[in-house]
Amino acid sequence: MSCPICGKPTEVKYRPFCSKRCADVDLAKWVSGSYAIPSTDPEDMEEAIEAAEKARQEETRH
């Protein structure tokens, strides 16, 4: 099995990665949302618009 980040052989200690560095790179991608799959569901879009409008209104109050 090869590391999904760099392609090097995996190390048992960090499986499925080859090192702590590659494991940390993967974690950072999860945290930043890089692995997110965009939704095309109209309800999701509507909720996102409402949340953005609410956040903008709260910013203007402060």
PDB file of N, CA and C in Angstrom:
ATOM      1  N   MET A   1       0.848  -1.171   0.000  1.00  0.00           N
ATOM      2  CA  MET A   1       0.000   0.000   0.000  1.00  0.00           C
ATOM      3  C   MET A   1       0.896   1.237   0.000  1.00  0.00           C
ATOM      4  N   SER A   2       0.497   2.245  -0.755  1.00  0.00           N
ATOM      5  CA  SER A   2       1.294   3.465  -0.798  1.00  0.00           C
ATOM      6  C   SER A   2       0.556   4.610  -0.110  1.00  0.00           C
ATOM      7  N   CYS A   3       1.314   5.566   0.359  1.00  0.00           N
ATOM      8  CA  CYS A   3       0.792   6.735   1.057  1.00  0.00           C
ATOM      9  C   CYS A   3      -0.117   7.526   0.105  1.00  0.00           C
ATOM     10  N   PRO A   4      -1.336   7.857   0.529  1.00  0.00           N
ATOM     11  CA  PRO A   4      -2.238   8.603  -0.346  1.00  0.00           C
ATOM     12  C   PRO A   4      -1.804  10.056  -0.577  1.00  0.00           C
ATOM     13  N   ILE A   5      -0.879  10.550   0.212  1.00  0.00           N
ATOM     14  CA  ILE A   5      -0.417  11.929   0.056  1.00  0.00           C
ATOM     15  C   ILE A   5       0.778  12.019  -0.895  1.00  0.00           C
ATOM     16  N   CYS A   6       1.812  11.177  -0.658  1.00  0.00           N
ATOM     17  CA  CYS A   6       3.035  11.308  -1.461  1.00  0.00           C
ATOM     18  C   CYS A   6       3.362  10.085  -2.311  1.00  0.00           C
ATOM     19  N   GLY A   7       2.694   8.966  -2.055  1.00  0.00           N
ATOM     20  CA  GLY A   7       2.932   7.763  -2.856  1.00  0.00           C
ATOM     21  C   GLY A   7       4.032   6.851  -2.364  1.00  0.00           C
ATOM     22  N   LYS A   8       4.738   7.239  -1.304  1.00  0.00           N
ATOM     23  CA  LYS A   8       5.797   6.386  -0.750  1.00  0.00           C
ATOM     24  C   LYS A   8       5.168   5.196  -0.027  1.00  0.00           C
ATOM     25  N   PRO A   9       5.949   4.134   0.222  1.00  0.00           N
ATOM     26  CA  PRO A   9       5.417   2.990   0.983  1.00  0.00           C
ATOM     27  C   PRO A   9       4.988   3.426   2.382  1.00  0.00           C
ATOM     28  N   THR A  10       3.919   2.826   2.896  1.00  0.00           N
ATOM     29  CA  THR A  10       3.408   3.214   4.211  1.00  0.00           C
ATOM     30  C   THR A  10       4.258   2.640   5.335  1.00  0.00           C
ATOM     31  N   GLU A  11       4.183   3.293   6.487  1.00  0.00           N
ATOM     32  CA  GLU A  11       4.819   2.831   7.711  1.00  0.00           C
ATOM     33  C   GLU A  11       3.711   2.365   8.642  1.00  0.00           C
ATOM     34  N   VAL A  12       3.909   1.244   9.299  1.00  0.00           N
ATOM     35  CA  VAL A  12       2.893   0.686  10.184  1.00  0.00           C
ATOM     36  C   VAL A  12       2.437   1.719  11.216  1.00  0.00           C
ATOM     37  N   LYS A  13       3.362   2.462  11.780  1.00  0.00           N
ATOM     38  CA  LYS A  13       3.044   3.439  12.831  1.00  0.00           C
ATOM     39  C   LYS A  13       2.080   4.526  12.341  1.00  0.00           C
ATOM     40  N   TYR A  14       2.143   4.875  11.054  1.00  0.00           N
ATOM     41  CA  TYR A  14       1.344   5.984  10.524  1.00  0.00           C
ATOM     42  C   TYR A  14       0.318   5.540   9.477  1.00  0.00           C
ATOM     43  N   ARG A  15       0.108   4.236   9.344  1.00  0.00           N
ATOM     44  CA  ARG A  15      -0.772   3.702   8.309  1.00  0.00           C
ATOM     45  C   ARG A  15      -2.087   4.447   8.249  1.00  0.00           C
ATOM     46  N   PRO A  16      -2.560   4.854   7.118  1.00  0.00           N
ATOM     47  CA  PRO A  16      -2.136   4.504   5.770  1.00  0.00           C
ATOM     48  C   PRO A  16      -1.092   5.457   5.188  1.00  0.00           C
ATOM     49  N   PHE A  17      -0.460   6.254   6.038  1.00  0.00           N
ATOM     50  CA  PHE A  17       0.525   7.229   5.569  1.00  0.00           C
ATOM     51  C   PHE A  17       1.945   6.711   5.775  1.00  0.00           C
ATOM     52  N   CYS A  18       2.907   7.435   5.209  1.00  0.00           N
ATOM     53  CA  CYS A  18       4.303   7.025   5.338  1.00  0.00           C
ATOM     54  C   CYS A  18       4.989   7.716   6.507  1.00  0.00           C
ATOM     55  N   SER A  19       4.401   8.821   6.970  1.00  0.00           N
ATOM     56  CA  SER A  19       5.052   9.603   8.031  1.00  0.00           C
ATOM     57  C   SER A  19       4.029  10.468   8.754  1.00  0.00           C
ATOM     58  N   LYS A  20       4.456  11.048   9.850  1.00  0.00           N
ATOM     59  CA  LYS A  20       3.602  11.973  10.591  1.00  0.00           C
ATOM     60  C   LYS A  20       3.300  13.198   9.741  1.00  0.00           C
ATOM     61  N   ARG A  21       4.268  13.617   8.958  1.00  0.00           N
ATOM     62  CA  ARG A  21       4.077  14.782   8.100  1.00  0.00           C
ATOM     63  C   ARG A  21       2.907  14.564   7.138  1.00  0.00           C
ATOM     64  N   CYS A  22       2.878  13.420   6.462  1.00  0.00           N
ATOM     65  CA  CYS A  22       1.791  13.148   5.521  1.00  0.00           C
ATOM     66  C   CYS A  22       0.455  12.989   6.253  1.00  0.00           C
ATOM     67  N   ALA A  23       0.479  12.415   7.439  1.00  0.00           N
ATOM     68  CA  ALA A  23      -0.748  12.307   8.235  1.00  0.00           C
ATOM     69  C   ALA A  23      -1.250  13.702   8.602  1.00  0.00           C
ATOM     70  N   ASP A  24      -0.336  14.599   8.947  1.00  0.00           N
ATOM     71  CA  ASP A  24      -0.715  15.970   9.291  1.00  0.00           C
ATOM     72  C   ASP A  24      -1.233  16.730   8.072  1.00  0.00           C
ATOM     73  N   VAL A  25      -0.632  16.500   6.917  1.00  0.00           N
ATOM     74  CA  VAL A  25      -1.108  17.131   5.679  1.00  0.00           C
ATOM     75  C   VAL A  25      -2.545  16.700   5.411  1.00  0.00           C
ATOM     76  N   ASP A  26      -2.819  15.415   5.576  1.00  0.00           N
ATOM     77  CA  ASP A  26      -4.176  14.904   5.363  1.00  0.00           C
ATOM     78  C   ASP A  26      -5.152  15.520   6.357  1.00  0.00           C
ATOM     79  N   LEU A  27      -4.770  15.595   7.623  1.00  0.00           N
ATOM     80  CA  LEU A  27      -5.628  16.198   8.637  1.00  0.00           C
ATOM     81  C   LEU A  27      -5.933  17.653   8.296  1.00  0.00           C
ATOM     82  N   ALA A  28      -4.925  18.380   7.851  1.00  0.00           N
ATOM     83  CA  ALA A  28      -5.119  19.785   7.482  1.00  0.00           C
ATOM     84  C   ALA A  28      -6.117  19.917   6.331  1.00  0.00           C
ATOM     85  N   LYS A  29      -6.085  18.975   5.399  1.00  0.00           N
ATOM     86  CA  LYS A  29      -7.043  19.013   4.290  1.00  0.00           C
ATOM     87  C   LYS A  29      -8.468  18.794   4.793  1.00  0.00           C
ATOM     88  N   TRP A  30      -8.638  17.890   5.765  1.00  0.00           N
ATOM     89  CA  TRP A  30      -9.969  17.675   6.341  1.00  0.00           C
ATOM     90  C   TRP A  30     -10.439  18.931   7.067  1.00  0.00           C
ATOM     91  N   VAL A  31      -9.557  19.507   7.882  1.00  0.00           N
ATOM     92  CA  VAL A  31      -9.928  20.668   8.696  1.00  0.00           C
ATOM     93  C   VAL A  31     -10.267  21.879   7.824  1.00  0.00           C
ATOM     94  N   SER A  32      -9.514  22.066   6.744  1.00  0.00           N
ATOM     95  CA  SER A  32      -9.744  23.232   5.880  1.00  0.00           C
ATOM     96  C   SER A  32     -10.929  23.057   4.946  1.00  0.00           C
ATOM     97  N   GLY A  33     -11.436  21.828   4.845  1.00  0.00           N
ATOM     98  CA  GLY A  33     -12.572  21.591   3.954  1.00  0.00           C
ATOM     99  C   GLY A  33     -12.175  21.204   2.548  1.00  0.00           C
ATOM    100  N   SER A  34     -10.911  20.929   2.323  1.00  0.00           N
ATOM    101  CA  SER A  34     -10.448  20.560   0.980  1.00  0.00           C
ATOM    102  C   SER A  34     -11.072  19.275   0.469  1.00  0.00           C
ATOM    103  N   TYR A  35     -11.493  18.407   1.369  1.00  0.00           N
ATOM    104  CA  TYR A  35     -12.086  17.140   0.968  1.00  0.00           C
ATOM    105  C   TYR A  35     -13.610  17.231   0.845  1.00  0.00           C
ATOM    106  N   ALA A  36     -14.173  18.399   1.041  1.00  0.00           N
ATOM    107  CA  ALA A  36     -15.619  18.553   0.987  1.00  0.00           C
ATOM    108  C   ALA A  36     -16.140  18.362  -0.435  1.00  0.00           C
ATOM    109  N   ILE A  37     -17.302  17.751  -0.532  1.00  0.00           N
ATOM    110  CA  ILE A  37     -17.949  17.562  -1.823  1.00  0.00           C
ATOM    111  C   ILE A  37     -19.061  18.597  -1.925  1.00  0.00           C
ATOM    112  N   PRO A  38     -19.005  19.456  -2.936  1.00  0.00           N
ATOM    113  CA  PRO A  38     -20.034  20.488  -3.059  1.00  0.00           C
ATOM    114  C   PRO A  38     -21.415  19.876  -3.296  1.00  0.00           C
ATOM    115  N   SER A  39     -22.407  20.474  -2.699  1.00  0.00           N
ATOM    116  CA  SER A  39     -23.779  19.997  -2.850  1.00  0.00           C
ATOM    117  C   SER A  39     -24.495  20.783  -3.936  1.00  0.00           C
ATOM    118  N   THR A  40     -25.345  20.101  -4.673  1.00  0.00           N
ATOM    119  CA  THR A  40     -26.190  20.779  -5.659  1.00  0.00           C
ATOM    120  C   THR A  40     -27.653  20.718  -5.235  1.00  0.00           C
ATOM    121  N   ASP A  41     -27.892  20.287  -3.998  1.00  0.00           N
ATOM    122  CA  ASP A  41     -29.236  20.201  -3.460  1.00  0.00           C
ATOM    123  C   ASP A  41     -29.768  21.616  -3.221  1.00  0.00           C
ATOM    124  N   PRO A  42     -30.899  21.977  -3.836  1.00  0.00           N
ATOM    125  CA  PRO A  42     -31.433  23.340  -3.658  1.00  0.00           C
ATOM    126  C   PRO A  42     -31.685  23.710  -2.200  1.00  0.00           C
ATOM    127  N   GLU A  43     -32.089  22.736  -1.361  1.00  0.00           N
ATOM    128  CA  GLU A  43     -32.320  23.046   0.053  1.00  0.00           C
ATOM    129  C   GLU A  43     -31.017  23.420   0.752  1.00  0.00           C
ATOM    130  N   ASP A  44     -29.919  22.737   0.412  1.00  0.00           N
ATOM    131  CA  ASP A  44     -28.619  23.074   0.998  1.00  0.00           C
ATOM    132  C   ASP A  44     -28.216  24.489   0.602  1.00  0.00           C
ATOM    133  N   MET A  45     -28.442  24.840  -0.650  1.00  0.00           N
ATOM    134  CA  MET A  45     -28.091  26.179  -1.132  1.00  0.00           C
ATOM    135  C   MET A  45     -28.919  27.237  -0.420  1.00  0.00           C
ATOM    136  N   GLU A  46     -30.194  26.965  -0.245  1.00  0.00           N
ATOM    137  CA  GLU A  46     -31.079  27.908   0.442  1.00  0.00           C
ATOM    138  C   GLU A  46     -30.626  28.121   1.885  1.00  0.00           C
ATOM    139  N   GLU A  47     -30.276  27.032   2.572  1.00  0.00           N
ATOM    140  CA  GLU A  47     -29.794  27.136   3.955  1.00  0.00           C
ATOM    141  C   GLU A  47     -28.491  27.930   4.019  1.00  0.00           C
ATOM    142  N   ALA A  48     -27.609  27.733   3.052  1.00  0.00           N
ATOM    143  CA  ALA A  48     -26.333  28.453   3.031  1.00  0.00           C
ATOM    144  C   ALA A  48     -26.561  29.946   2.828  1.00  0.00           C
ATOM    145  N   ILE A  49     -27.484  30.296   1.949  1.00  0.00           N
ATOM    146  CA  ILE A  49     -27.791  31.711   1.699  1.00  0.00           C
ATOM    147  C   ILE A  49     -28.362  32.344   2.963  1.00  0.00           C
ATOM    148  N   GLU A  50     -29.284  31.643   3.617  1.00  0.00           N
ATOM    149  CA  GLU A  50     -29.877  32.169   4.850  1.00  0.00           C
ATOM    150  C   GLU A  50     -28.822  32.353   5.938  1.00  0.00           C
ATOM    151  N   ALA A  51     -27.906  31.405   6.069  1.00  0.00           N
ATOM    152  CA  ALA A  51     -26.844  31.511   7.074  1.00  0.00           C
ATOM    153  C   ALA A  51     -25.918  32.682   6.764  1.00  0.00           C
ATOM    154  N   ALA A  52     -25.605  32.881   5.493  1.00  0.00           N
ATOM    155  CA  ALA A  52     -24.735  33.994   5.104  1.00  0.00           C
ATOM    156  C   ALA A  52     -25.413  35.333   5.373  1.00  0.00           C
ATOM    157  N   GLU A  53     -26.685  35.421   5.062  1.00  0.00           N
ATOM    158  CA  GLU A  53     -27.428  36.665   5.325  1.00  0.00           C
ATOM    159  C   GLU A  53     -27.494  36.957   6.822  1.00  0.00           C
ATOM    160  N   LYS A  54     -27.720  35.918   7.623  1.00  0.00           N
ATOM    161  CA  LYS A  54     -27.777  36.098   9.071  1.00  0.00           C
ATOM    162  C   LYS A  54     -26.429  36.562   9.614  1.00  0.00           C
ATOM    163  N   ALA A  55     -25.343  35.963   9.118  1.00  0.00           N
ATOM    164  CA  ALA A  55     -24.003  36.350   9.555  1.00  0.00           C
ATOM    165  C   ALA A  55     -23.707  37.795   9.167  1.00  0.00           C
ATOM    166  N   ARG A  56     -24.113  38.202   7.974  1.00  0.00           N
ATOM    167  CA  ARG A  56     -23.878  39.563   7.523  1.00  0.00           C
ATOM    168  C   ARG A  56     -24.659  40.551   8.389  1.00  0.00           C
ATOM    169  N   GLN A  57     -25.898  40.220   8.745  1.00  0.00           N
ATOM    170  CA  GLN A  57     -26.700  41.088   9.602  1.00  0.00           C
ATOM    171  C   GLN A  57     -26.070  41.239  10.979  1.00  0.00           C
ATOM    172  N   GLU A  58     -25.525  40.140  11.522  1.00  0.00           N
ATOM    173  CA  GLU A  58     -24.881  40.193  12.828  1.00  0.00           C
ATOM    174  C   GLU A  58     -23.614  41.040  12.776  1.00  0.00           C
ATOM    175  N   GLU A  59     -22.896  40.991  11.671  1.00  0.00           N
ATOM    176  CA  GLU A  59     -21.679  41.813  11.523  1.00  0.00           C
ATOM    177  C   GLU A  59     -22.015  43.285  11.498  1.00  0.00           C
ATOM    178  N   THR A  60     -23.092  43.652  10.823  1.00  0.00           N
ATOM    179  CA  THR A  60     -23.450  45.073  10.719  1.00  0.00           C
ATOM    180  C   THR A  60     -23.948  45.634  12.042  1.00  0.00           C
ATOM    181  N   ARG A  61     -24.432  44.768  12.945  1.00  0.00           N
ATOM    182  CA  ARG A  61     -24.885  45.218  14.262  1.00  0.00           C
ATOM    183  C   ARG A  61     -23.711  45.592  15.166  1.00  0.00           C
ATOM    184  N   HIS A  62     -22.566  44.977  14.930  1.00  0.00           N
ATOM    185  CA  HIS A  62     -21.418  45.175  15.826  1.00  0.00           C
ATOM    186  C   HIS A  62     -20.553  46.267  15.339  1.00  0.00           C
TER     187      HIS A  62
END
